[in-house]
Protein backbone atom coordinates (compact mmCIF):
# COMPACT_ATOMS: atom_id res chain seq x y z
CA UNK A 1 -0.12 -0.17 -0.09
CA UNK A 2 1.45 3.63 -0.92
CA UNK A 3 0.94 6.18 1.35
CA UNK A 4 2.17 10.40 0.64
CA UNK A 5 3.72 12.35 3.45
CA UNK A 6 5.39 15.52 2.95
CA UNK A 7 8.99 16.71 2.75
CA UNK A 8 10.14 20.38 3.51
CA UNK A 9 11.97 22.44 0.41
CA UNK A 10 13.56 25.86 0.31
CA UNK A 11 10.58 26.44 -2.52
CA UNK A 12 7.09 24.98 -0.79
CA UNK A 13 5.74 21.41 1.18
CA UNK A 14 6.23 18.71 -1.65
CA UNK A 15 4.14 15.52 -1.68
CA UNK A 16 6.86 12.47 -0.95
CA UNK A 17 6.02 9.12 -1.99
CA UNK A 18 5.96 6.22 0.83
CA UNK A 19 6.19 2.60 -0.18
CA UNK A 20 5.65 0.10 1.55
CA UNK A 21 4.58 0.20 5.42
CA UNK A 22 7.59 -0.91 7.79
CA UNK A 23 5.79 -3.44 10.53
CA UNK A 24 8.43 -4.20 12.75
CA UNK A 25 10.49 -1.37 14.87
CA UNK A 26 14.40 -2.10 14.42
CA UNK A 27 16.89 -1.03 16.72
CA UNK A 28 19.48 0.39 13.52
CA UNK A 29 18.31 2.56 10.39
CA UNK A 30 20.56 2.43 7.64
CA UNK A 31 19.68 5.73 5.86
CA UNK A 32 20.71 6.08 2.32
CA UNK A 33 20.71 9.55 0.12
CA UNK A 34 20.26 8.64 -3.79
CA UNK A 35 20.50 11.56 -6.41
CA UNK A 36 20.37 9.38 -9.89
CA UNK A 37 22.05 6.24 -8.10
CA UNK A 38 19.52 4.15 -10.58
CA UNK A 39 23.29 2.38 -11.64
CA UNK A 40 24.51 1.79 -8.27
CA UNK A 41 21.74 1.54 -5.11
CA UNK A 42 20.63 -2.33 -6.45
CA UNK A 43 24.40 -3.54 -5.34
CA UNK A 44 24.65 -1.27 -2.15
CA UNK A 45 21.19 -2.59 -1.23
CA UNK A 46 22.25 -6.56 -1.46
CA UNK A 47 25.66 -5.41 0.32
CA UNK A 48 24.25 -3.67 3.39
CA UNK A 49 21.97 -6.57 3.23
CA UNK A 50 24.05 -9.44 3.25
CA UNK A 51 25.71 -7.65 6.48
CA UNK A 52 23.10 -6.70 8.36
CA UNK A 53 21.45 -9.70 8.33
CA UNK A 54 24.13 -11.83 9.90
CA UNK A 55 25.47 -8.83 12.48
CA UNK A 56 21.39 -7.53 13.46
CA UNK A 57 18.85 -9.97 11.94
CA UNK A 58 15.54 -8.34 12.05
CA UNK A 59 16.80 -5.34 14.23
CA UNK A 60 17.58 -2.96 11.18
CA UNK A 61 15.64 -1.84 8.41
CA UNK A 62 17.11 -0.03 5.51
CA UNK A 63 15.52 3.83 4.61
CA UNK A 64 16.45 5.73 0.55
CA UNK A 65 15.50 8.61 -0.03
CA UNK A 66 15.10 9.44 -3.64
CA UNK A 67 15.04 12.81 -5.32
CA UNK A 68 16.93 12.10 -9.09
CA UNK A 69 14.99 11.99 -11.85
CA UNK A 70 16.15 8.87 -13.21
CA UNK A 71 15.04 5.03 -12.04
CA UNK A 72 16.55 5.16 -8.78
CA UNK A 73 13.11 4.87 -6.60
CA UNK A 74 11.54 2.13 -8.82
CA UNK A 75 14.88 -0.09 -8.16
CA UNK A 76 14.33 0.22 -4.30
CA UNK A 77 10.94 -0.48 -4.72
CA UNK A 78 11.19 -3.87 -6.23
CA UNK A 79 13.54 -4.22 -3.62
CA UNK A 80 11.05 -3.41 -0.92
CA UNK A 81 8.74 -5.61 -2.45
CA UNK A 82 10.56 -8.78 -1.08
CA UNK A 83 12.04 -7.00 2.01
CA UNK A 84 9.33 -5.64 4.61
CA UNK A 85 12.74 -3.97 6.58
CA UNK A 86 13.12 -1.74 3.35
CA UNK A 87 11.35 1.83 3.20
CA UNK A 88 11.51 3.86 0.01
CA UNK A 89 10.65 7.73 -0.15
CA UNK A 90 10.80 9.31 -3.00
CA UNK A 91 10.92 13.41 -4.00
CA UNK A 92 9.76 14.98 -7.07
CA UNK A 93 11.99 17.95 -6.52
CA UNK A 94 15.87 18.04 -5.58
CA UNK A 95 16.41 17.49 -1.71
CA UNK A 96 20.17 17.02 -1.06
CA UNK A 97 22.12 15.34 0.64
CA UNK A 98 21.39 16.63 4.01
CA UNK A 99 17.67 17.23 3.06
CA UNK A 100 17.49 13.65 2.05
CA UNK A 101 18.50 12.43 5.17
CA UNK A 102 16.19 14.90 7.13
CA UNK A 103 13.56 13.30 5.04
CA UNK A 104 14.45 10.10 6.43
CA UNK A 105 14.59 11.14 9.71
CA UNK A 106 10.85 11.59 10.11
CA UNK A 107 10.49 7.87 8.99
CA UNK A 108 13.54 6.46 11.11
CA UNK A 109 12.60 3.94 14.42
CA UNK A 110 16.15 2.58 15.30
CA UNK A 111 17.97 3.21 18.46
CA UNK A 112 21.30 3.91 16.21
CA UNK A 113 21.29 6.18 12.71
CA UNK A 114 23.40 4.68 10.36
CA UNK A 115 24.05 7.30 7.46
CA UNK A 116 25.84 5.92 4.29
CA UNK A 117 26.34 7.25 0.69
CA UNK A 118 24.30 5.13 -1.82
CA UNK A 119 27.62 3.98 -3.57
CA UNK A 120 30.05 0.62 -2.01
CA UNK A 121 32.99 3.07 -1.40
CA UNK A 122 32.87 1.90 2.92
CA UNK A 123 31.56 -1.14 3.39
CA UNK A 124 29.11 -2.35 5.44
CA UNK A 125 31.58 -4.41 7.84
CA UNK A 126 32.86 -0.78 8.94
CA UNK A 127 29.09 0.29 8.76
CA UNK A 128 28.70 -2.26 11.79
CA UNK A 129 32.33 -1.47 13.28
CA UNK A 130 30.64 2.68 13.91
CA UNK A 131 27.35 1.12 15.10
CA UNK A 132 29.40 -0.81 17.72
CA UNK A 133 30.88 1.91 18.64
CA UNK A 134 27.99 4.03 19.66
CA UNK A 135 28.40 2.31 22.66
CA UNK A 136 31.16 4.42 23.70
CA UNK A 137 29.96 7.43 21.77
CA UNK A 138 27.30 9.76 20.12
CA UNK A 139 28.18 9.79 17.34
CA UNK A 140 30.92 7.32 15.20
CA UNK A 141 32.62 9.20 12.08
CA UNK A 142 34.28 7.25 9.35
CA UNK A 143 37.53 8.27 8.21
CA UNK A 144 39.66 7.86 5.17
CA UNK A 145 42.47 9.80 6.42
CA UNK A 146 42.87 8.50 10.38
CA UNK A 147 46.02 6.50 10.92
CA UNK A 148 43.71 3.00 11.53
CA UNK A 149 42.10 3.63 7.87
CA UNK A 150 43.25 1.88 4.80
CA UNK A 151 42.85 3.88 1.02
CA UNK A 152 41.71 0.47 -0.71
CA UNK A 153 41.20 3.11 -4.05
CA UNK A 154 42.33 6.37 -3.25
CA UNK A 155 40.56 9.04 -4.90
CA UNK A 156 40.95 11.34 -7.74
CA UNK A 157 44.47 13.78 -7.12
CA UNK A 158 42.19 16.75 -8.03
CA UNK A 159 39.25 15.30 -5.57
CA UNK A 160 41.54 14.58 -2.69
CA UNK A 161 43.05 17.78 -3.05
CA UNK A 162 39.61 19.91 -2.76
CA UNK A 163 38.46 17.69 -0.43
CA UNK A 164 41.09 17.93 1.94
CA UNK A 165 41.31 22.09 1.60
CA UNK A 166 37.56 21.84 2.37
CA UNK A 167 39.43 20.19 5.57
CA UNK A 168 41.90 22.58 6.57
CA UNK A 169 39.20 25.66 5.88
CA UNK A 170 36.37 24.07 7.84
CA UNK A 171 39.21 23.46 11.22
CA UNK A 172 40.26 27.32 10.45
CA UNK A 173 36.50 28.33 10.62
CA UNK A 174 35.65 26.10 13.24
CA UNK A 175 38.35 25.32 16.28
CA UNK A 176 36.11 22.13 17.41
CA UNK A 177 36.89 20.51 14.21
CA UNK A 178 40.74 20.15 15.22
CA UNK A 179 40.87 16.82 15.94
CA UNK A 180 38.97 15.49 13.14
CA UNK A 181 40.86 14.26 9.92
CA UNK A 182 37.60 13.57 7.78
CA UNK A 183 34.27 15.29 7.95
CA UNK A 184 33.14 14.24 4.78
CA UNK A 185 32.90 10.61 4.66
CA UNK A 186 30.27 8.77 3.71
CA UNK A 187 29.50 6.63 6.99
CA UNK A 188 28.34 7.87 10.20
CA UNK A 189 26.13 6.46 12.94
CA UNK A 190 24.60 8.43 15.44
CA UNK A 191 22.70 8.04 18.45
CA UNK A 192 19.03 8.81 17.89
CA UNK A 193 18.63 9.82 21.00
CA UNK A 194 20.94 12.72 20.89
CA UNK A 195 20.32 13.34 17.62
CA UNK A 196 16.66 14.19 18.56
CA UNK A 197 18.10 16.87 20.89
CA UNK A 198 19.95 18.83 17.93
CA UNK A 199 17.40 18.59 15.35
CA UNK A 200 16.14 21.61 15.19
CA UNK A 201 19.93 23.03 14.19
CA UNK A 202 20.11 20.64 11.58
CA UNK A 203 19.59 23.58 8.61
CA UNK A 204 21.97 22.42 5.67
CA UNK A 205 20.59 20.62 2.73
CA UNK A 206 24.03 19.90 0.60
CA UNK A 207 27.24 18.03 1.15
CA UNK A 208 28.07 19.88 3.79
CA UNK A 209 24.98 18.66 5.98
CA UNK A 210 27.66 16.23 7.97
CA UNK A 211 29.75 19.69 9.35
CA UNK A 212 26.26 20.66 10.99
CA UNK A 213 25.63 17.74 12.15
CA UNK A 214 29.15 17.62 13.73
CA UNK A 215 29.24 21.18 14.86
CA UNK A 216 25.41 20.52 16.27
CA UNK A 217 26.39 17.48 18.24
CA UNK A 218 29.97 18.94 19.74
CA UNK A 219 27.65 22.22 20.67
CA UNK A 220 25.90 19.50 22.81
CA UNK A 221 28.19 18.18 24.48
CA UNK A 222 27.86 15.21 22.53
CA UNK A 223 31.10 12.38 22.83
CA UNK A 224 32.14 11.96 19.35
CA UNK A 225 34.26 9.13 17.90
CA UNK A 226 36.92 9.13 14.49
CA UNK A 227 37.20 5.83 13.18
CA UNK A 228 39.20 4.86 10.11
CA UNK A 229 37.79 2.64 7.43
CA UNK A 230 38.57 0.55 4.74
CA UNK A 231 37.98 3.39 1.55
CA UNK A 232 37.78 2.06 -2.38
CA UNK A 233 36.88 5.51 -4.21
CA UNK A 234 34.01 4.20 -6.97
CA UNK A 235 34.39 5.98 -10.40
CA UNK A 236 30.82 4.76 -11.62
CA UNK A 237 28.19 7.39 -12.19
CA UNK A 238 30.34 9.66 -9.68
CA UNK A 239 28.21 12.87 -9.37
CA UNK A 240 30.94 14.90 -7.42
CA UNK A 241 33.89 13.90 -9.76
CA UNK A 242 31.61 15.39 -12.98
CA UNK A 243 31.24 18.45 -11.11
CA UNK A 244 33.73 18.99 -8.61
CA UNK A 245 33.96 23.20 -8.72
CA UNK A 246 29.73 23.13 -8.30
CA UNK A 247 29.96 20.70 -5.46
CA UNK A 248 33.19 22.63 -4.06
CA UNK A 249 31.44 26.41 -4.52
CA UNK A 250 28.00 24.99 -2.60
CA UNK A 251 30.10 23.55 -0.11
CA UNK A 252 32.33 26.70 1.04
CA UNK A 253 29.03 28.87 0.52
CA UNK A 254 27.44 26.27 3.20
CA UNK A 255 30.65 26.64 5.65
CA UNK A 256 29.54 30.49 5.79
CA UNK A 257 26.36 29.99 6.59
CA UNK A 258 26.92 27.38 9.31
CA UNK A 259 30.19 30.21 10.54
CA UNK A 260 26.88 32.74 11.15
CA UNK A 261 25.00 30.62 12.28
CA UNK A 262 27.24 29.60 15.08
CA UNK A 263 27.61 33.66 15.65
CA UNK A 264 26.02 36.44 17.24
CA UNK A 265 24.80 37.40 13.58
CA UNK A 266 22.52 34.50 13.38
CA UNK A 267 19.80 36.37 13.11
CA UNK A 268 21.35 37.40 9.78
CA UNK A 269 20.36 34.51 8.28
CA UNK A 270 16.44 34.92 9.03
CA UNK A 271 16.31 38.36 7.11
CA UNK A 272 14.39 38.03 4.06
CA UNK A 273 17.75 39.34 1.60
CA UNK A 274 19.29 36.40 2.99
CA UNK A 275 16.84 33.76 2.27
CA UNK A 276 16.47 35.01 -1.44
CA UNK A 277 20.60 34.61 -1.61
CA UNK A 278 20.52 30.96 -0.22
CA UNK A 279 17.35 30.34 -2.49
CA UNK A 280 19.29 31.19 -5.57
CA UNK A 281 22.82 30.15 -4.64
CA UNK A 282 20.83 26.29 -3.96
CA UNK A 283 19.19 26.39 -6.94
CA UNK A 284 22.41 27.32 -8.89
CA UNK A 285 24.80 25.00 -7.00
CA UNK A 286 22.60 21.99 -5.58
CA UNK A 287 25.14 20.31 -4.17
C-alpha cells in the first residue's frame, strides 16, 4: 500500500511518496540519500542486506530517499516488495544530501541511525564497526585519513586536493573540528536520542550537512569518535567527480552559512535578503 507524506523544501511543501509501510521497529536504521543512483543502488542494498542480516538479524531497517530524475526509486521499490525492512521514499524535487537525510529521520525508528552513501566506497562491515562504537560515544564518524584507515582505491588527485582543502578551511573556521581528520566520509553512526536533541539545528541541505551535524553534536556536549575505515573510490556514476567546481562552491557557501549561524550574526540568516540569496545559490549549485 502506498501512502503520501510531505517534505519541506526551500520553496514549498511537496509530496513524498512512501512505500511500503514498515511493520517492525528495528534497532538500527540505515539511511541512504540517493540522487540519480540507478546504476549503484541495487548493489549497495544487496551488500548491506547480506552484512546486516548476519550482524543484526531482523533488528535493522534501510531507508532510501530518492530525489533525482532517473529510475532509482523504482529500483528500490522493487527491492522493497521482497523486504519488509526496506522503505523507499521519493521526492519530485531536489532535496540535497542533507535534505534527504533529514526527511528520512522522520521515518526512522531505530535506536542508532547509520548514514551512508549509495555507492560501495565504505563496506557494510565498517558500518557495523561504527554502530558498535556508539556503545561508548554518541556519534561515530568514519574516516579515510586517520591512522587506522585504509585507502584501497584512492580518489582522483583533484578531488582529493579539494577535499583536503575543504577540511583545512572548515577547521580554520571552526576550532571544534581541529581534532578530526575527515568530516565528509560517507559513513556515520549516531544515537537517535542524541540526534533528537540537535535536530532543529540541522539546516544545511547540501553535502556540508556532515559539518552541520558534527558542530551541532559537539556544541551540545555529545561525545564524538573518529574511526578509520577501508575506503575504495567508486568511479561509476560519481556525481561529485563530474561536477567538482559546483560541489566545492556549494560546500564552501554552506560553511559561510554555518559560520554565521554559530555567531552573534545569526539573525541575519532570517532576513528576507539572506533567504532570497540562499535560495538563489541553492538553485544554481544544488550541492
